[in-house]
Amino acid sequence: MPKYLIEVRYTVEGVQGLLAEGGTKRKEAATKAIKSVGGKVESFYFAFGGADAYVVVDAPDNVSVASAALAINSSGKVTTSTTVLLTPAEIDEAAKKTVTYRAPGQ
């Protein structure tokens, strides 16, 4: 299954919910959401810095992850940013493909 990195940012209301429920309950909610679209949470970490949490998930496809992101973001208490993760073998395969490209100004 493809892997995705989901960066989570809580709104003020989301932080208030996090304080009330705790981190474990948030992980459980995220796991349930990802499972409902056929995926699995590989890791879930809270963090300091740009994002409040980082979640790595395995999911069947982009559409499944997009549907989870739409549901999560529609709450208004969280915003997410999703990055598709590629394996070294996938990069090897990509490097073997021929691409026709002209750089700007050339």
C-alpha atoms as a PDB file:
ATOM      1  CA  MET A   1       0.000   0.000   0.000  1.00  0.00           C
ATOM      2  CA  PRO A   2       1.201   3.543  -0.651  1.00  0.00           C
ATOM      3  CA  LYS A   3       2.467   5.556   2.321  1.00  0.00           C
ATOM      4  CA  TYR A   4       1.503   9.099   3.227  1.00  0.00           C
ATOM      5  CA  LEU A   5       2.814  11.658   5.703  1.00  0.00           C
ATOM      6  CA  ILE A   6      -0.013  13.714   7.193  1.00  0.00           C
ATOM      7  CA  GLU A   7       0.929  16.932   8.972  1.00  0.00           C
ATOM      8  CA  VAL A   8      -1.716  18.019  11.470  1.00  0.00           C
ATOM      9  CA  ARG A   9      -2.328  21.541  12.751  1.00  0.00           C
ATOM     10  CA  TYR A  10      -4.931  22.129  15.450  1.00  0.00           C
ATOM     11  CA  THR A  11      -7.055  25.265  15.581  1.00  0.00           C
ATOM     12  CA  VAL A  12      -7.664  26.875  18.983  1.00  0.00           C
ATOM     13  CA  GLU A  13     -10.835  24.823  19.324  1.00  0.00           C
ATOM     14  CA  GLY A  14      -8.911  21.692  18.338  1.00  0.00           C
ATOM     15  CA  VAL A  15      -6.279  22.346  20.999  1.00  0.00           C
ATOM     16  CA  GLN A  16      -9.051  22.780  23.560  1.00  0.00           C
ATOM     17  CA  GLY A  17     -10.435  19.377  22.535  1.00  0.00           C
ATOM     18  CA  LEU A  18      -6.961  17.859  22.720  1.00  0.00           C
ATOM     19  CA  LEU A  19      -6.519  19.236  26.254  1.00  0.00           C
ATOM     20  CA  ALA A  20      -9.899  17.807  27.273  1.00  0.00           C
ATOM     21  CA  GLU A  21      -9.422  14.340  25.712  1.00  0.00           C
ATOM     22  CA  GLY A  22      -5.664  13.809  25.715  1.00  0.00           C
ATOM     23  CA  GLY A  23      -3.259  12.625  23.066  1.00  0.00           C
ATOM     24  CA  THR A  24      -4.161   8.934  23.196  1.00  0.00           C
ATOM     25  CA  LYS A  25      -7.795   9.657  22.320  1.00  0.00           C
ATOM     26  CA  ARG A  26      -6.675  11.776  19.349  1.00  0.00           C
ATOM     27  CA  LYS A  27      -4.486   8.940  18.090  1.00  0.00           C
ATOM     28  CA  GLU A  28      -7.425   6.557  18.458  1.00  0.00           C
ATOM     29  CA  ALA A  29      -9.678   8.928  16.490  1.00  0.00           C
ATOM     30  CA  ALA A  30      -7.083   9.263  13.711  1.00  0.00           C
ATOM     31  CA  THR A  31      -6.586   5.492  13.587  1.00  0.00           C
ATOM     32  CA  LYS A  32     -10.338   4.938  13.310  1.00  0.00           C
ATOM     33  CA  ALA A  33     -10.635   7.514  10.498  1.00  0.00           C
ATOM     34  CA  ILE A  34      -7.803   5.985   8.490  1.00  0.00           C
ATOM     35  CA  LYS A  35      -9.079   2.452   9.095  1.00  0.00           C
ATOM     36  CA  SER A  36     -12.519   3.487   7.817  1.00  0.00           C
ATOM     37  CA  VAL A  37     -11.005   4.200   4.379  1.00  0.00           C
ATOM     38  CA  GLY A  38      -9.084   0.918   4.291  1.00  0.00           C
ATOM     39  CA  GLY A  39      -5.794   2.224   5.678  1.00  0.00           C
ATOM     40  CA  LYS A  40      -3.552   1.750   8.682  1.00  0.00           C
ATOM     41  CA  VAL A  41      -1.711   4.221  10.915  1.00  0.00           C
ATOM     42  CA  GLU A  42       1.964   3.288  11.010  1.00  0.00           C
ATOM     43  CA  SER A  43       3.023   6.016  13.436  1.00  0.00           C
ATOM     44  CA  PHE A  44       1.535   9.042  15.189  1.00  0.00           C
ATOM     45  CA  TYR A  45       3.660  11.664  16.916  1.00  0.00           C
ATOM     46  CA  PHE A  46       2.899  15.021  18.466  1.00  0.00           C
ATOM     47  CA  ALA A  47       5.559  17.648  17.778  1.00  0.00           C
ATOM     48  CA  PHE A  48       6.829  21.145  18.434  1.00  0.00           C
ATOM     49  CA  GLY A  49       7.268  23.446  15.455  1.00  0.00           C
ATOM     50  CA  GLY A  50       5.313  23.941  12.267  1.00  0.00           C
ATOM     51  CA  ALA A  51       2.903  21.055  12.767  1.00  0.00           C
ATOM     52  CA  ASP A  52       1.255  19.801  15.939  1.00  0.00           C
ATOM     53  CA  ALA A  53       1.359  16.152  14.892  1.00  0.00           C
ATOM     54  CA  TYR A  54       2.850  13.923  12.208  1.00  0.00           C
ATOM     55  CA  VAL A  55       1.043  10.770  11.129  1.00  0.00           C
ATOM     56  CA  VAL A  56       2.414   8.165   8.724  1.00  0.00           C
ATOM     57  CA  VAL A  57      -0.281   6.010   7.154  1.00  0.00           C
ATOM     58  CA  ASP A  58      -0.597   3.172   4.678  1.00  0.00           C
ATOM     59  CA  ALA A  59      -3.669   3.599   2.492  1.00  0.00           C
ATOM     60  CA  PRO A  60      -5.045   1.946  -0.636  1.00  0.00           C
ATOM     61  CA  ASP A  61      -4.830   5.057  -2.832  1.00  0.00           C
ATOM     62  CA  ASN A  62      -4.906   8.848  -3.081  1.00  0.00           C
ATOM     63  CA  VAL A  63      -8.710   8.949  -3.193  1.00  0.00           C
ATOM     64  CA  SER A  64      -8.964   7.131   0.147  1.00  0.00           C
ATOM     65  CA  VAL A  65      -6.544   9.543   1.820  1.00  0.00           C
ATOM     66  CA  ALA A  66      -8.290  12.534   0.243  1.00  0.00           C
ATOM     67  CA  SER A  67     -11.655  11.364   1.579  1.00  0.00           C
ATOM     68  CA  ALA A  68     -10.216  11.081   5.102  1.00  0.00           C
ATOM     69  CA  ALA A  69      -8.578  14.521   4.794  1.00  0.00           C
ATOM     70  CA  LEU A  70     -11.858  16.082   3.649  1.00  0.00           C
ATOM     71  CA  ALA A  71     -13.711  14.621   6.632  1.00  0.00           C
ATOM     72  CA  ILE A  72     -11.009  15.631   9.108  1.00  0.00           C
ATOM     73  CA  ASN A  73     -10.540  19.150   7.740  1.00  0.00           C
ATOM     74  CA  SER A  74     -14.298  19.755   7.546  1.00  0.00           C
ATOM     75  CA  SER A  75     -14.449  19.609  11.349  1.00  0.00           C
ATOM     76  CA  GLY A  76     -12.895  23.087  11.466  1.00  0.00           C
ATOM     77  CA  LYS A  77     -10.774  21.979  14.421  1.00  0.00           C
ATOM     78  CA  VAL A  78      -7.888  20.560  12.417  1.00  0.00           C
ATOM     79  CA  THR A  79      -6.131  21.271   9.145  1.00  0.00           C
ATOM     80  CA  THR A  80      -3.986  18.683   7.449  1.00  0.00           C
ATOM     81  CA  SER A  81      -1.359  18.625   4.743  1.00  0.00           C
ATOM     82  CA  THR A  82      -0.621  15.307   3.053  1.00  0.00           C
ATOM     83  CA  THR A  83       2.606  14.231   1.352  1.00  0.00           C
ATOM     84  CA  VAL A  84       2.864  11.081  -0.749  1.00  0.00           C
ATOM     85  CA  LEU A  85       5.923   9.074   0.352  1.00  0.00           C
ATOM     86  CA  LEU A  86       7.961   7.071  -2.157  1.00  0.00           C
ATOM     87  CA  THR A  87      10.183   4.069  -1.494  1.00  0.00           C
ATOM     88  CA  PRO A  88      13.774   3.924  -2.752  1.00  0.00           C
ATOM     89  CA  ALA A  89      12.639   1.246  -5.252  1.00  0.00           C
ATOM     90  CA  GLU A  90       9.974   3.609  -6.621  1.00  0.00           C
ATOM     91  CA  ILE A  91      12.633   6.292  -7.124  1.00  0.00           C
ATOM     92  CA  ASP A  92      14.824   3.721  -8.908  1.00  0.00           C
ATOM     93  CA  GLU A  93      11.907   2.986 -11.230  1.00  0.00           C
ATOM     94  CA  ALA A  94      11.222   6.694 -11.788  1.00  0.00           C
ATOM     95  CA  ALA A  95      14.891   7.343 -12.585  1.00  0.00           C
ATOM     96  CA  LYS A  96      14.725   4.785 -15.423  1.00  0.00           C
ATOM     97  CA  LYS A  97      11.874   6.581 -17.201  1.00  0.00           C
ATOM     98  CA  THR A  98      12.644   8.935 -20.067  1.00  0.00           C
ATOM     99  CA  VAL A  99      11.200  12.429 -19.702  1.00  0.00           C
ATOM    100  CA  THR A 100      11.159  15.091 -22.391  1.00  0.00           C
ATOM    101  CA  TYR A 101      11.619  18.460 -20.683  1.00  0.00           C
ATOM    102  CA  ARG A 102      12.865  21.916 -21.611  1.00  0.00           C
ATOM    103  CA  ALA A 103      13.973  24.201 -18.760  1.00  0.00           C
ATOM    104  CA  PRO A 104      12.689  27.790 -18.753  1.00  0.00           C
ATOM    105  CA  GLY A 105      14.736  30.065 -20.982  1.00  0.00           C
ATOM    106  CA  GLN A 106      16.421  27.247 -22.919  1.00  0.00           C
END
